[in-house]
Amino acid sequence: MLVNVFKSKIHRVKVTQAELNYVGSVTIDEDMLDAAGIKENEKVQIVNNHNGERLETYAIKGKRGSGIICLNGAAARKAQPGDIVIIISYAWMTPEEAAAHKPIVVFPDENNRVVK
């Protein structure tokens, strides 16, 4: 049996853009992806702290050091620039792996830069 476990999150990051006329996904600064261990094209959940919206999409790399968090396509209807969101990734693990797993939590600063 496998269980779906919280793998990592980017906690309280600011949306910088919302692009309705795009094929889909969320663009995330590559520094934040690396810090959270999120791979390009990996499924993520986005929780909007401003309006309670929740959605699932996939991550794409944004320019390293740019601070970009851009909801693309239909997801652009779920948040506006300035909204604070949490981006969460999950992983399938055996119960033994899950018991030993320590999630990664990234805390960006007010400019969407990774705080070391």
N, C-alpha and C. Protein backbone atom coordinates (compact mmCIF):
# COMPACT_ATOMS: atom_id res chain seq x y z
N MET A 1 0.84 -1.18 0.00
CA MET A 1 0.00 0.00 0.00
C MET A 1 0.89 1.25 0.00
N LEU A 2 0.43 2.28 -0.69
CA LEU A 2 1.09 3.58 -0.68
C LEU A 2 0.15 4.62 -0.09
N VAL A 3 0.74 5.64 0.53
CA VAL A 3 -0.03 6.77 1.05
C VAL A 3 0.47 8.04 0.40
N ASN A 4 -0.42 8.99 0.20
CA ASN A 4 -0.07 10.28 -0.41
C ASN A 4 0.25 11.26 0.71
N VAL A 5 1.51 11.69 0.77
CA VAL A 5 2.03 12.45 1.91
C VAL A 5 2.48 13.85 1.47
N PHE A 6 2.29 14.81 2.35
CA PHE A 6 2.79 16.18 2.16
C PHE A 6 4.31 16.11 2.00
N LYS A 7 4.81 16.53 0.81
CA LYS A 7 6.23 16.46 0.51
C LYS A 7 6.94 17.78 0.81
N SER A 8 6.35 18.89 0.32
CA SER A 8 6.98 20.19 0.51
C SER A 8 5.97 21.30 0.25
N LYS A 9 6.34 22.50 0.68
CA LYS A 9 5.48 23.65 0.36
C LYS A 9 6.29 24.93 0.34
N ILE A 10 5.77 25.86 -0.45
CA ILE A 10 6.25 27.24 -0.46
C ILE A 10 5.17 28.01 0.28
N HIS A 11 5.49 28.47 1.49
CA HIS A 11 4.49 28.99 2.41
C HIS A 11 4.37 30.51 2.32
N ARG A 12 3.17 30.95 2.01
CA ARG A 12 2.84 32.39 1.99
C ARG A 12 3.72 33.17 1.02
N VAL A 13 3.55 32.85 -0.25
CA VAL A 13 4.26 33.55 -1.32
C VAL A 13 3.26 34.44 -2.06
N LYS A 14 3.73 35.57 -2.58
CA LYS A 14 2.84 36.54 -3.24
C LYS A 14 2.70 36.24 -4.74
N VAL A 15 1.47 36.22 -5.23
CA VAL A 15 1.21 36.09 -6.66
C VAL A 15 1.67 37.38 -7.33
N THR A 16 2.49 37.23 -8.39
CA THR A 16 3.00 38.41 -9.09
C THR A 16 2.26 38.67 -10.40
N GLN A 17 1.68 37.59 -10.98
CA GLN A 17 0.98 37.72 -12.25
C GLN A 17 -0.15 36.70 -12.33
N ALA A 18 -1.11 36.98 -13.19
CA ALA A 18 -2.18 36.04 -13.54
C ALA A 18 -2.42 36.22 -15.04
N GLU A 19 -2.11 35.18 -15.82
CA GLU A 19 -2.18 35.25 -17.28
C GLU A 19 -3.26 34.30 -17.80
N LEU A 20 -4.45 34.84 -18.06
CA LEU A 20 -5.57 34.03 -18.51
C LEU A 20 -5.30 33.37 -19.86
N ASN A 21 -4.68 34.08 -20.79
CA ASN A 21 -4.46 33.56 -22.14
C ASN A 21 -3.15 32.79 -22.24
N TYR A 22 -3.08 31.71 -21.49
CA TYR A 22 -1.92 30.84 -21.47
C TYR A 22 -2.45 29.42 -21.36
N VAL A 23 -1.69 28.46 -21.79
CA VAL A 23 -2.17 27.08 -21.85
C VAL A 23 -2.48 26.50 -20.47
N GLY A 24 -1.79 26.90 -19.44
CA GLY A 24 -2.09 26.39 -18.10
C GLY A 24 -0.87 26.31 -17.23
N SER A 25 -1.04 26.02 -15.96
CA SER A 25 0.02 25.79 -15.00
C SER A 25 0.27 26.98 -14.09
N VAL A 26 1.33 26.85 -13.29
CA VAL A 26 1.80 27.95 -12.45
C VAL A 26 3.30 28.10 -12.70
N THR A 27 3.72 29.31 -13.01
CA THR A 27 5.14 29.61 -13.20
C THR A 27 5.72 30.01 -11.85
N ILE A 28 6.81 29.33 -11.46
CA ILE A 28 7.42 29.55 -10.15
C ILE A 28 8.92 29.82 -10.34
N ASP A 29 9.42 30.85 -9.70
CA ASP A 29 10.86 31.16 -9.70
C ASP A 29 11.64 29.86 -9.45
N GLU A 30 12.62 29.60 -10.30
CA GLU A 30 13.39 28.36 -10.20
C GLU A 30 14.10 28.22 -8.85
N ASP A 31 14.49 29.31 -8.22
CA ASP A 31 15.10 29.24 -6.89
C ASP A 31 14.14 28.62 -5.88
N MET A 32 12.86 29.01 -5.97
CA MET A 32 11.87 28.46 -5.05
C MET A 32 11.58 26.99 -5.34
N LEU A 33 11.52 26.64 -6.64
CA LEU A 33 11.33 25.22 -7.00
C LEU A 33 12.45 24.37 -6.40
N ASP A 34 13.69 24.81 -6.58
CA ASP A 34 14.83 24.06 -6.06
C ASP A 34 14.76 23.94 -4.54
N ALA A 35 14.47 25.05 -3.87
CA ALA A 35 14.44 25.05 -2.40
C ALA A 35 13.37 24.10 -1.86
N ALA A 36 12.24 24.00 -2.58
CA ALA A 36 11.13 23.15 -2.14
C ALA A 36 11.23 21.72 -2.69
N GLY A 37 12.19 21.48 -3.58
CA GLY A 37 12.30 20.14 -4.16
C GLY A 37 11.16 19.82 -5.11
N ILE A 38 10.58 20.84 -5.73
CA ILE A 38 9.50 20.65 -6.70
C ILE A 38 10.10 20.61 -8.09
N LYS A 39 9.77 19.59 -8.85
CA LYS A 39 10.30 19.42 -10.20
C LYS A 39 9.38 20.10 -11.22
N GLU A 40 9.96 20.52 -12.34
CA GLU A 40 9.14 21.07 -13.41
C GLU A 40 8.15 20.00 -13.86
N ASN A 41 6.93 20.40 -14.09
CA ASN A 41 5.80 19.55 -14.50
C ASN A 41 5.22 18.73 -13.36
N GLU A 42 5.71 18.91 -12.14
CA GLU A 42 5.16 18.19 -10.99
C GLU A 42 3.80 18.79 -10.61
N LYS A 43 2.88 17.93 -10.23
CA LYS A 43 1.56 18.38 -9.77
C LYS A 43 1.71 19.11 -8.44
N VAL A 44 1.04 20.26 -8.33
CA VAL A 44 1.02 21.04 -7.10
C VAL A 44 -0.40 21.48 -6.78
N GLN A 45 -0.64 21.73 -5.52
CA GLN A 45 -1.90 22.31 -5.07
C GLN A 45 -1.61 23.74 -4.66
N ILE A 46 -2.51 24.64 -5.02
CA ILE A 46 -2.36 26.05 -4.65
C ILE A 46 -3.55 26.43 -3.78
N VAL A 47 -3.26 27.00 -2.62
CA VAL A 47 -4.28 27.44 -1.68
C VAL A 47 -4.16 28.96 -1.56
N ASN A 48 -5.23 29.67 -1.88
CA ASN A 48 -5.22 31.12 -1.84
C ASN A 48 -5.71 31.60 -0.47
N ASN A 49 -4.82 32.27 0.28
CA ASN A 49 -5.18 32.75 1.61
C ASN A 49 -6.16 33.92 1.58
N HIS A 50 -6.27 34.60 0.44
CA HIS A 50 -7.15 35.77 0.36
C HIS A 50 -8.60 35.41 0.11
N ASN A 51 -8.85 34.37 -0.70
CA ASN A 51 -10.23 34.07 -1.06
C ASN A 51 -10.64 32.62 -0.80
N GLY A 52 -9.73 31.80 -0.29
CA GLY A 52 -10.06 30.42 0.04
C GLY A 52 -10.04 29.45 -1.13
N GLU A 53 -9.75 29.93 -2.33
CA GLU A 53 -9.71 29.05 -3.51
C GLU A 53 -8.61 28.01 -3.36
N ARG A 54 -8.89 26.83 -3.89
CA ARG A 54 -7.90 25.76 -3.95
C ARG A 54 -7.93 25.19 -5.36
N LEU A 55 -6.75 24.88 -5.89
CA LEU A 55 -6.71 24.30 -7.22
C LEU A 55 -5.48 23.43 -7.36
N GLU A 56 -5.53 22.54 -8.32
CA GLU A 56 -4.38 21.71 -8.65
C GLU A 56 -3.95 22.02 -10.07
N THR A 57 -2.65 22.08 -10.27
CA THR A 57 -2.07 22.33 -11.59
C THR A 57 -0.67 21.73 -11.58
N TYR A 58 0.16 22.15 -12.51
CA TYR A 58 1.54 21.66 -12.53
C TYR A 58 2.49 22.86 -12.59
N ALA A 59 3.70 22.62 -12.09
CA ALA A 59 4.70 23.69 -11.98
C ALA A 59 5.53 23.80 -13.24
N ILE A 60 5.83 25.04 -13.64
CA ILE A 60 6.82 25.28 -14.70
C ILE A 60 7.85 26.26 -14.16
N LYS A 61 9.06 26.14 -14.67
CA LYS A 61 10.16 26.99 -14.20
C LYS A 61 9.99 28.42 -14.67
N GLY A 62 10.16 29.33 -13.70
CA GLY A 62 10.24 30.75 -14.00
C GLY A 62 11.68 31.20 -13.87
N LYS A 63 11.96 32.38 -14.34
CA LYS A 63 13.33 32.91 -14.31
C LYS A 63 13.87 32.90 -12.89
N ARG A 64 15.06 32.31 -12.76
CA ARG A 64 15.74 32.21 -11.47
C ARG A 64 15.98 33.61 -10.89
N GLY A 65 15.61 33.79 -9.61
CA GLY A 65 15.83 35.06 -8.93
C GLY A 65 14.80 36.13 -9.23
N SER A 66 13.80 35.80 -10.06
CA SER A 66 12.80 36.80 -10.46
C SER A 66 11.69 36.99 -9.42
N GLY A 67 11.47 35.99 -8.58
CA GLY A 67 10.37 36.05 -7.62
C GLY A 67 9.01 35.77 -8.24
N ILE A 68 8.98 35.34 -9.51
CA ILE A 68 7.71 35.15 -10.20
C ILE A 68 6.88 34.01 -9.62
N ILE A 69 5.61 34.32 -9.42
CA ILE A 69 4.56 33.34 -9.14
C ILE A 69 3.41 33.77 -10.04
N CYS A 70 3.21 33.05 -11.13
CA CYS A 70 2.20 33.44 -12.11
C CYS A 70 1.23 32.30 -12.35
N LEU A 71 -0.03 32.55 -12.04
CA LEU A 71 -1.08 31.58 -12.34
C LEU A 71 -1.49 31.75 -13.79
N ASN A 72 -1.45 30.65 -14.53
CA ASN A 72 -1.70 30.69 -15.98
C ASN A 72 -3.00 29.97 -16.35
N GLY A 73 -3.58 30.39 -17.45
CA GLY A 73 -4.79 29.75 -17.96
C GLY A 73 -5.95 29.92 -16.99
N ALA A 74 -6.77 28.89 -16.87
CA ALA A 74 -7.96 28.97 -16.01
C ALA A 74 -7.61 29.30 -14.56
N ALA A 75 -6.43 28.89 -14.11
CA ALA A 75 -5.99 29.18 -12.73
C ALA A 75 -5.92 30.67 -12.47
N ALA A 76 -5.74 31.46 -13.53
CA ALA A 76 -5.67 32.92 -13.38
C ALA A 76 -6.97 33.51 -12.84
N ARG A 77 -8.06 32.77 -12.94
CA ARG A 77 -9.34 33.22 -12.38
C ARG A 77 -9.42 33.02 -10.86
N LYS A 78 -8.45 32.27 -10.30
CA LYS A 78 -8.50 31.90 -8.89
C LYS A 78 -7.68 32.81 -7.98
N ALA A 79 -6.87 33.70 -8.57
CA ALA A 79 -6.03 34.60 -7.76
C ALA A 79 -5.69 35.85 -8.56
N GLN A 80 -5.34 36.87 -7.84
CA GLN A 80 -4.92 38.13 -8.46
C GLN A 80 -3.55 38.50 -7.95
N PRO A 81 -2.79 39.27 -8.73
CA PRO A 81 -1.50 39.74 -8.24
C PRO A 81 -1.66 40.39 -6.86
N GLY A 82 -0.76 40.04 -5.97
CA GLY A 82 -0.82 40.53 -4.60
C GLY A 82 -1.42 39.53 -3.62
N ASP A 83 -2.20 38.56 -4.11
CA ASP A 83 -2.75 37.53 -3.23
C ASP A 83 -1.62 36.69 -2.66
N ILE A 84 -1.80 36.24 -1.44
CA ILE A 84 -0.84 35.36 -0.78
C ILE A 84 -1.35 33.93 -0.92
N VAL A 85 -0.48 33.04 -1.42
CA VAL A 85 -0.85 31.65 -1.63
C VAL A 85 0.17 30.72 -0.97
N ILE A 86 -0.25 29.48 -0.81
CA ILE A 86 0.63 28.40 -0.37
C ILE A 86 0.65 27.39 -1.51
N ILE A 87 1.84 26.97 -1.92
CA ILE A 87 2.01 26.01 -3.00
C ILE A 87 2.52 24.72 -2.37
N ILE A 88 1.75 23.63 -2.52
CA ILE A 88 2.01 22.38 -1.82
C ILE A 88 2.25 21.26 -2.82
N SER A 89 3.26 20.42 -2.53
CA SER A 89 3.48 19.21 -3.32
C SER A 89 3.30 18.00 -2.42
N TYR A 90 2.93 16.88 -3.02
CA TYR A 90 2.70 15.63 -2.31
C TYR A 90 3.49 14.52 -2.99
N ALA A 91 3.73 13.43 -2.29
CA ALA A 91 4.43 12.29 -2.88
C ALA A 91 3.81 10.99 -2.37
N TRP A 92 3.80 9.98 -3.22
CA TRP A 92 3.35 8.65 -2.83
C TRP A 92 4.51 7.93 -2.16
N MET A 93 4.25 7.38 -0.98
CA MET A 93 5.29 6.68 -0.21
C MET A 93 4.70 5.45 0.45
N THR A 94 5.59 4.52 0.75
CA THR A 94 5.17 3.40 1.59
C THR A 94 4.96 3.95 3.00
N PRO A 95 4.20 3.26 3.84
CA PRO A 95 4.04 3.72 5.21
C PRO A 95 5.37 3.88 5.94
N GLU A 96 6.34 3.03 5.63
CA GLU A 96 7.65 3.12 6.26
C GLU A 96 8.39 4.39 5.81
N GLU A 97 8.34 4.68 4.50
CA GLU A 97 8.96 5.90 4.00
C GLU A 97 8.28 7.13 4.60
N ALA A 98 6.94 7.09 4.69
CA ALA A 98 6.18 8.22 5.23
C ALA A 98 6.53 8.48 6.68
N ALA A 99 6.76 7.43 7.44
CA ALA A 99 7.09 7.58 8.86
C ALA A 99 8.42 8.30 9.05
N ALA A 100 9.35 8.12 8.12
CA ALA A 100 10.67 8.74 8.23
C ALA A 100 10.77 10.08 7.49
N HIS A 101 9.76 10.40 6.69
CA HIS A 101 9.82 11.60 5.84
C HIS A 101 9.70 12.88 6.64
N LYS A 102 10.53 13.86 6.29
CA LYS A 102 10.47 15.21 6.87
C LYS A 102 10.16 16.19 5.73
N PRO A 103 8.97 16.78 5.72
CA PRO A 103 8.62 17.71 4.65
C PRO A 103 9.54 18.94 4.62
N ILE A 104 9.68 19.51 3.44
CA ILE A 104 10.45 20.74 3.25
C ILE A 104 9.46 21.90 3.27
N VAL A 105 9.75 22.94 4.04
CA VAL A 105 8.91 24.13 4.07
C VAL A 105 9.80 25.33 3.74
N VAL A 106 9.43 26.04 2.67
CA VAL A 106 10.17 27.22 2.23
C VAL A 106 9.38 28.46 2.64
N PHE A 107 10.06 29.40 3.27
CA PHE A 107 9.44 30.65 3.71
C PHE A 107 10.03 31.80 2.91
N PRO A 108 9.36 32.22 1.83
CA PRO A 108 9.87 33.36 1.05
C PRO A 108 9.68 34.66 1.84
N ASP A 109 10.51 35.66 1.51
CA ASP A 109 10.34 36.97 2.13
C ASP A 109 9.26 37.75 1.37
N GLU A 110 9.07 39.02 1.72
CA GLU A 110 8.01 39.83 1.10
C GLU A 110 8.26 40.12 -0.38
N ASN A 111 9.48 39.85 -0.87
CA ASN A 111 9.81 40.03 -2.28
C ASN A 111 9.91 38.69 -3.02
N ASN A 112 9.35 37.64 -2.44
CA ASN A 112 9.37 36.29 -3.03
C ASN A 112 10.79 35.76 -3.24
N ARG A 113 11.66 36.07 -2.30
CA ARG A 113 13.01 35.52 -2.33
C ARG A 113 13.10 34.46 -1.24
N VAL A 114 13.81 33.39 -1.53
CA VAL A 114 13.97 32.31 -0.55
C VAL A 114 14.79 32.81 0.62
N VAL A 115 14.28 32.62 1.83
CA VAL A 115 15.00 32.99 3.04
C VAL A 115 15.79 31.77 3.46
N LYS A 116 17.09 31.93 3.57
CA LYS A 116 17.98 30.79 3.89
C LYS A 116 18.02 30.57 5.38
